[in-house]
Amino acid sequence: MPSLNLRLFQGTDCHLVMLSSLSVIETTLNITLDKASLPTLVSIENIICKINESGFKLVNSKEIDKIAKLVNGYYLVNEKSGWQDQSLNLNVIQISDRDAEIYDEIKKLRTQVMKLARDVAYYESKNDYAQSKQLQDNTLQKIADSVKSKPSWWDTNTGKIVKFVGETTLNAIIDIVVGIPLKTFVDSLLRK
């Protein structure tokens, strides 16, 4: 089974995270005209998730570009059966203890959004747009409940969740799957 070895550099320290490529690269979502980048975005977000689960976050968007280059330039253009082990060097910083609870909330959001992307793709492939819309509405309601329970975390100017989402691919995934950027949705909730 091919692996993806992430070398996470925090200053001079190096942390190795070994992943199965099959566990993080999205191969089940189809590329369509209106969702061309979804497999790339979901793959990138899967990798960022594993980095966060290891206690780190990327230092900036240049690190996301490195992941995107590997995903688009290697994994999505080659058949799975031909994949070889790959390595990627990324610059990270440790998630602080005070931000751990926020990252737990981000993990919940990420799980909801990734499941929604797959479920919507499935139901739309069956032309069941009513079920797809219901799933979108349910996910937006769960996000709205989270925003209402911890509005300071979600504040679009000072909140850490919206800031983090802006530094990942989650915002783009939400926009593609639901049709509204997360920041716009959260702003509308907080202005009520």
C-alpha atoms as a PDB file:
ATOM      1  CA  MET A   1       0.000   0.000   0.000  1.00  0.00           C
ATOM      2  CA  PRO A   2       1.565   3.340  -1.021  1.00  0.00           C
ATOM      3  CA  SER A   3       2.315   5.791   1.755  1.00  0.00           C
ATOM      4  CA  LEU A   4       2.452   9.543   2.051  1.00  0.00           C
ATOM      5  CA  ASN A   5       5.145  10.575   4.497  1.00  0.00           C
ATOM      6  CA  LEU A   6       4.746  14.063   5.877  1.00  0.00           C
ATOM      7  CA  ARG A   7       7.837  15.652   7.352  1.00  0.00           C
ATOM      8  CA  LEU A   8       6.524  18.407   9.587  1.00  0.00           C
ATOM      9  CA  PHE A   9       9.188  20.990  10.349  1.00  0.00           C
ATOM     10  CA  GLN A  10       8.804  23.206  13.374  1.00  0.00           C
ATOM     11  CA  GLY A  11      11.993  25.220  13.363  1.00  0.00           C
ATOM     12  CA  THR A  12      14.779  22.635  13.438  1.00  0.00           C
ATOM     13  CA  ASP A  13      12.548  19.881  14.838  1.00  0.00           C
ATOM     14  CA  CYS A  14      11.113  17.363  12.395  1.00  0.00           C
ATOM     15  CA  HIS A  15       8.027  15.277  13.116  1.00  0.00           C
ATOM     16  CA  LEU A  16       7.185  12.392  10.794  1.00  0.00           C
ATOM     17  CA  VAL A  17       3.575  11.518  10.038  1.00  0.00           C
ATOM     18  CA  MET A  18       3.130   8.419   7.899  1.00  0.00           C
ATOM     19  CA  LEU A  19      -0.189   8.041   6.109  1.00  0.00           C
ATOM     20  CA  SER A  20      -1.696   5.591   3.699  1.00  0.00           C
ATOM     21  CA  SER A  21      -2.190   7.516   0.461  1.00  0.00           C
ATOM     22  CA  LEU A  22      -5.487   5.713  -0.012  1.00  0.00           C
ATOM     23  CA  SER A  23      -6.759   7.071   3.313  1.00  0.00           C
ATOM     24  CA  VAL A  24      -6.314  10.742   2.402  1.00  0.00           C
ATOM     25  CA  ILE A  25      -6.523  11.065  -1.384  1.00  0.00           C
ATOM     26  CA  GLU A  26     -10.113  11.459  -2.571  1.00  0.00           C
ATOM     27  CA  THR A  27     -10.824   9.076  -5.405  1.00  0.00           C
ATOM     28  CA  THR A  28     -14.571   8.551  -5.045  1.00  0.00           C
ATOM     29  CA  LEU A  29     -15.792  12.034  -5.976  1.00  0.00           C
ATOM     30  CA  ASN A  30     -16.301  12.594  -9.669  1.00  0.00           C
ATOM     31  CA  ILE A  31     -14.967  15.663 -11.397  1.00  0.00           C
ATOM     32  CA  THR A  32     -17.856  17.594 -12.949  1.00  0.00           C
ATOM     33  CA  LEU A  33     -18.049  20.973 -14.636  1.00  0.00           C
ATOM     34  CA  ASP A  34     -19.434  22.677 -11.531  1.00  0.00           C
ATOM     35  CA  LYS A  35     -17.280  20.747  -9.050  1.00  0.00           C
ATOM     36  CA  ALA A  36     -13.987  20.327 -10.902  1.00  0.00           C
ATOM     37  CA  SER A  37     -11.764  21.016  -7.924  1.00  0.00           C
ATOM     38  CA  LEU A  38     -13.668  19.041  -5.288  1.00  0.00           C
ATOM     39  CA  PRO A  39     -11.423  15.915  -5.302  1.00  0.00           C
ATOM     40  CA  THR A  40      -8.370  18.159  -4.912  1.00  0.00           C
ATOM     41  CA  LEU A  41      -9.909  20.224  -2.126  1.00  0.00           C
ATOM     42  CA  VAL A  42     -11.148  17.201  -0.186  1.00  0.00           C
ATOM     43  CA  SER A  43      -7.758  15.470  -0.521  1.00  0.00           C
ATOM     44  CA  ILE A  44      -5.961  18.572   0.753  1.00  0.00           C
ATOM     45  CA  GLU A  45      -8.371  18.889   3.654  1.00  0.00           C
ATOM     46  CA  ASN A  46      -7.907  15.201   4.536  1.00  0.00           C
ATOM     47  CA  ILE A  47      -4.155  15.789   4.772  1.00  0.00           C
ATOM     48  CA  ILE A  48      -4.602  18.966   6.838  1.00  0.00           C
ATOM     49  CA  CYS A  49      -6.872  16.975   9.152  1.00  0.00           C
ATOM     50  CA  LYS A  50      -4.121  14.406   9.764  1.00  0.00           C
ATOM     51  CA  ILE A  51      -1.648  17.212  10.480  1.00  0.00           C
ATOM     52  CA  ASN A  52      -4.076  18.759  12.988  1.00  0.00           C
ATOM     53  CA  GLU A  53      -4.675  15.369  14.605  1.00  0.00           C
ATOM     54  CA  SER A  54      -0.907  15.175  15.119  1.00  0.00           C
ATOM     55  CA  GLY A  55      -1.079  18.435  17.085  1.00  0.00           C
ATOM     56  CA  PHE A  56       0.128  20.832  14.395  1.00  0.00           C
ATOM     57  CA  LYS A  57      -1.201  23.395  11.947  1.00  0.00           C
ATOM     58  CA  LEU A  58       0.335  24.714   8.743  1.00  0.00           C
ATOM     59  CA  VAL A  59       2.252  27.981   9.072  1.00  0.00           C
ATOM     60  CA  ASN A  60       0.702  29.609   5.985  1.00  0.00           C
ATOM     61  CA  SER A  61      -1.081  29.073   2.679  1.00  0.00           C
ATOM     62  CA  LYS A  62       2.184  28.284   0.873  1.00  0.00           C
ATOM     63  CA  GLU A  63       2.098  24.934   2.651  1.00  0.00           C
ATOM     64  CA  ILE A  64      -1.379  24.292   1.240  1.00  0.00           C
ATOM     65  CA  ASP A  65       0.035  25.050  -2.213  1.00  0.00           C
ATOM     66  CA  LYS A  66       2.683  22.342  -1.670  1.00  0.00           C
ATOM     67  CA  ILE A  67      -0.014  19.826  -0.798  1.00  0.00           C
ATOM     68  CA  ALA A  68      -2.133  20.890  -3.795  1.00  0.00           C
ATOM     69  CA  LYS A  69       0.817  20.503  -6.139  1.00  0.00           C
ATOM     70  CA  LEU A  70       1.391  16.929  -4.967  1.00  0.00           C
ATOM     71  CA  VAL A  71      -2.309  16.032  -5.083  1.00  0.00           C
ATOM     72  CA  ASN A  72      -2.898  17.531  -8.553  1.00  0.00           C
ATOM     73  CA  GLY A  73       0.486  16.758 -10.065  1.00  0.00           C
ATOM     74  CA  TYR A  74       0.810  13.182  -8.885  1.00  0.00           C
ATOM     75  CA  TYR A  75      -2.159  11.502  -7.239  1.00  0.00           C
ATOM     76  CA  LEU A  76      -5.077  12.717  -9.337  1.00  0.00           C
ATOM     77  CA  VAL A  77      -3.294  12.250 -12.669  1.00  0.00           C
ATOM     78  CA  ASN A  78      -2.082   8.705 -11.998  1.00  0.00           C
ATOM     79  CA  GLU A  79      -4.045   5.514 -11.522  1.00  0.00           C
ATOM     80  CA  LYS A  80      -4.181   4.330  -7.905  1.00  0.00           C
ATOM     81  CA  SER A  81      -2.577   1.050  -8.922  1.00  0.00           C
ATOM     82  CA  GLY A  82       0.526   2.950 -10.030  1.00  0.00           C
ATOM     83  CA  TRP A  83       0.967   5.104  -6.943  1.00  0.00           C
ATOM     84  CA  GLN A  84       4.358   4.955  -5.248  1.00  0.00           C
ATOM     85  CA  ASP A  85       5.408   6.169  -1.814  1.00  0.00           C
ATOM     86  CA  GLN A  86       5.619   9.966  -1.660  1.00  0.00           C
ATOM     87  CA  SER A  87       7.113  12.429   0.830  1.00  0.00           C
ATOM     88  CA  LEU A  88       6.273  16.025   1.516  1.00  0.00           C
ATOM     89  CA  ASN A  89       8.094  18.578   3.675  1.00  0.00           C
ATOM     90  CA  LEU A  90       5.802  21.081   5.379  1.00  0.00           C
ATOM     91  CA  ASN A  91       6.376  23.909   7.834  1.00  0.00           C
ATOM     92  CA  VAL A  92       4.106  23.760  10.857  1.00  0.00           C
ATOM     93  CA  ILE A  93       3.542  25.191  14.293  1.00  0.00           C
ATOM     94  CA  GLN A  94       2.172  23.348  17.271  1.00  0.00           C
ATOM     95  CA  ILE A  95      -1.466  23.841  18.191  1.00  0.00           C
ATOM     96  CA  SER A  96      -1.460  25.568  21.568  1.00  0.00           C
ATOM     97  CA  ASP A  97      -3.234  24.062  24.559  1.00  0.00           C
ATOM     98  CA  ARG A  98      -5.595  27.043  24.650  1.00  0.00           C
ATOM     99  CA  ASP A  99      -6.607  26.389  21.019  1.00  0.00           C
ATOM    100  CA  ALA A 100      -7.149  22.637  21.465  1.00  0.00           C
ATOM    101  CA  GLU A 101     -10.869  23.046  22.176  1.00  0.00           C
ATOM    102  CA  ILE A 102     -11.274  25.211  19.076  1.00  0.00           C
ATOM    103  CA  TYR A 103      -9.572  22.559  16.963  1.00  0.00           C
ATOM    104  CA  ASP A 104     -11.997  19.978  18.361  1.00  0.00           C
ATOM    105  CA  GLU A 105     -14.820  22.184  17.061  1.00  0.00           C
ATOM    106  CA  ILE A 106     -13.027  22.519  13.716  1.00  0.00           C
ATOM    107  CA  LYS A 107     -12.712  18.732  13.565  1.00  0.00           C
ATOM    108  CA  LYS A 108     -16.501  18.428  13.991  1.00  0.00           C
ATOM    109  CA  LEU A 109     -17.044  21.008  11.242  1.00  0.00           C
ATOM    110  CA  ARG A 110     -14.582  19.259   8.946  1.00  0.00           C
ATOM    111  CA  THR A 111     -16.260  15.881   9.525  1.00  0.00           C
ATOM    112  CA  GLN A 112     -19.695  17.348   8.733  1.00  0.00           C
ATOM    113  CA  VAL A 113     -18.502  19.115   5.591  1.00  0.00           C
ATOM    114  CA  MET A 114     -16.556  16.135   4.213  1.00  0.00           C
ATOM    115  CA  LYS A 115     -19.489  13.783   4.802  1.00  0.00           C
ATOM    116  CA  LEU A 116     -21.803  16.308   3.172  1.00  0.00           C
ATOM    117  CA  ALA A 117     -19.563  16.558   0.087  1.00  0.00           C
ATOM    118  CA  ARG A 118     -19.651  12.785  -0.394  1.00  0.00           C
ATOM    119  CA  ASP A 119     -23.367  12.445   0.379  1.00  0.00           C
ATOM    120  CA  VAL A 120     -24.373  15.303  -1.927  1.00  0.00           C
ATOM    121  CA  ALA A 121     -22.276  13.816  -4.729  1.00  0.00           C
ATOM    122  CA  TYR A 122     -23.964  10.448  -4.192  1.00  0.00           C
ATOM    123  CA  TYR A 123     -27.534  11.778  -4.177  1.00  0.00           C
ATOM    124  CA  GLU A 124     -26.948  14.132  -7.084  1.00  0.00           C
ATOM    125  CA  SER A 125     -25.529  11.223  -9.112  1.00  0.00           C
ATOM    126  CA  LYS A 126     -28.897   9.517  -8.499  1.00  0.00           C
ATOM    127  CA  ASN A 127     -30.728  12.746  -9.476  1.00  0.00           C
ATOM    128  CA  ASP A 128     -32.153  12.908  -5.939  1.00  0.00           C
ATOM    129  CA  TYR A 129     -31.788  16.657  -5.559  1.00  0.00           C
ATOM    130  CA  ALA A 130     -34.415  16.843  -2.809  1.00  0.00           C
ATOM    131  CA  GLN A 131     -32.354  14.576  -0.550  1.00  0.00           C
ATOM    132  CA  SER A 132     -29.210  16.500  -1.475  1.00  0.00           C
ATOM    133  CA  LYS A 133     -30.883  19.791  -0.503  1.00  0.00           C
ATOM    134  CA  GLN A 134     -32.138  18.292   2.762  1.00  0.00           C
ATOM    135  CA  LEU A 135     -28.596  17.196   3.670  1.00  0.00           C
ATOM    136  CA  GLN A 136     -27.256  20.660   2.842  1.00  0.00           C
ATOM    137  CA  ASP A 137     -29.916  22.306   5.007  1.00  0.00           C
ATOM    138  CA  ASN A 138     -29.252  19.902   7.896  1.00  0.00           C
ATOM    139  CA  THR A 139     -25.518  20.610   7.798  1.00  0.00           C
ATOM    140  CA  LEU A 140     -26.079  24.359   7.681  1.00  0.00           C
ATOM    141  CA  GLN A 141     -28.372  24.012  10.708  1.00  0.00           C
ATOM    142  CA  LYS A 142     -25.655  22.131  12.623  1.00  0.00           C
ATOM    143  CA  ILE A 143     -23.179  24.871  11.760  1.00  0.00           C
ATOM    144  CA  ALA A 144     -25.727  27.513  12.808  1.00  0.00           C
ATOM    145  CA  ASP A 145     -26.206  25.745  16.151  1.00  0.00           C
ATOM    146  CA  SER A 146     -22.449  25.785  16.722  1.00  0.00           C
ATOM    147  CA  VAL A 147     -22.225  29.474  15.791  1.00  0.00           C
ATOM    148  CA  LYS A 148     -25.021  30.330  18.226  1.00  0.00           C
ATOM    149  CA  SER A 149     -23.469  28.301  21.052  1.00  0.00           C
ATOM    150  CA  LYS A 150     -20.005  29.889  20.734  1.00  0.00           C
ATOM    151  CA  PRO A 151     -20.355  33.135  18.758  1.00  0.00           C
ATOM    152  CA  SER A 152     -16.961  34.526  19.816  1.00  0.00           C
ATOM    153  CA  TRP A 153     -15.219  31.547  18.226  1.00  0.00           C
ATOM    154  CA  TRP A 154     -17.062  32.183  14.968  1.00  0.00           C
ATOM    155  CA  ASP A 155     -16.853  35.984  14.817  1.00  0.00           C
ATOM    156  CA  THR A 156     -15.744  36.747  11.253  1.00  0.00           C
ATOM    157  CA  ASN A 157     -13.339  39.466  12.393  1.00  0.00           C
ATOM    158  CA  THR A 158     -11.810  37.985  15.540  1.00  0.00           C
ATOM    159  CA  GLY A 159     -12.986  34.371  15.802  1.00  0.00           C
ATOM    160  CA  LYS A 160     -10.430  31.621  15.403  1.00  0.00           C
ATOM    161  CA  ILE A 161     -12.706  29.149  13.624  1.00  0.00           C
ATOM    162  CA  VAL A 162     -13.479  31.403  10.657  1.00  0.00           C
ATOM    163  CA  LYS A 163      -9.824  32.471  10.536  1.00  0.00           C
ATOM    164  CA  PHE A 164      -8.701  28.839  10.446  1.00  0.00           C
ATOM    165  CA  VAL A 165     -11.286  27.860   7.844  1.00  0.00           C
ATOM    166  CA  GLY A 166     -10.004  30.703   5.677  1.00  0.00           C
ATOM    167  CA  GLU A 167      -6.531  29.151   5.865  1.00  0.00           C
ATOM    168  CA  THR A 168      -7.699  25.730   4.657  1.00  0.00           C
ATOM    169  CA  THR A 169      -9.832  24.381   1.843  1.00  0.00           C
ATOM    170  CA  LEU A 170     -12.963  24.004   3.990  1.00  0.00           C
ATOM    171  CA  ASN A 171     -14.408  27.351   2.905  1.00  0.00           C
ATOM    172  CA  ALA A 172     -14.065  26.436  -0.775  1.00  0.00           C
ATOM    173  CA  ILE A 173     -15.578  22.981  -0.181  1.00  0.00           C
ATOM    174  CA  ILE A 174     -18.556  24.504   1.629  1.00  0.00           C
ATOM    175  CA  ASP A 175     -19.006  27.053  -1.163  1.00  0.00           C
ATOM    176  CA  ILE A 176     -18.947  24.348  -3.857  1.00  0.00           C
ATOM    177  CA  VAL A 177     -21.195  21.880  -2.023  1.00  0.00           C
ATOM    178  CA  VAL A 178     -23.689  24.281  -0.424  1.00  0.00           C
ATOM    179  CA  GLY A 179     -23.371  27.317  -2.662  1.00  0.00           C
ATOM    180  CA  ILE A 180     -22.480  29.846   0.026  1.00  0.00           C
ATOM    181  CA  PRO A 181     -19.086  30.662   1.524  1.00  0.00           C
ATOM    182  CA  LEU A 182     -18.895  29.876   5.234  1.00  0.00           C
ATOM    183  CA  LYS A 183     -17.903  33.440   6.140  1.00  0.00           C
ATOM    184  CA  THR A 184     -20.994  34.829   4.398  1.00  0.00           C
ATOM    185  CA  PHE A 185     -23.229  32.288   6.139  1.00  0.00           C
ATOM    186  CA  VAL A 186     -21.714  32.993   9.567  1.00  0.00           C
ATOM    187  CA  ASP A 187     -21.934  36.764   9.021  1.00  0.00           C
ATOM    188  CA  SER A 188     -25.643  36.444   8.275  1.00  0.00           C
ATOM    189  CA  LEU A 189     -26.173  34.476  11.505  1.00  0.00           C
ATOM    190  CA  LEU A 190     -24.205  36.847  13.705  1.00  0.00           C
ATOM    191  CA  ARG A 191     -26.009  39.923  12.356  1.00  0.00           C
ATOM    192  CA  LYS A 192     -29.431  38.585  13.376  1.00  0.00           C
END
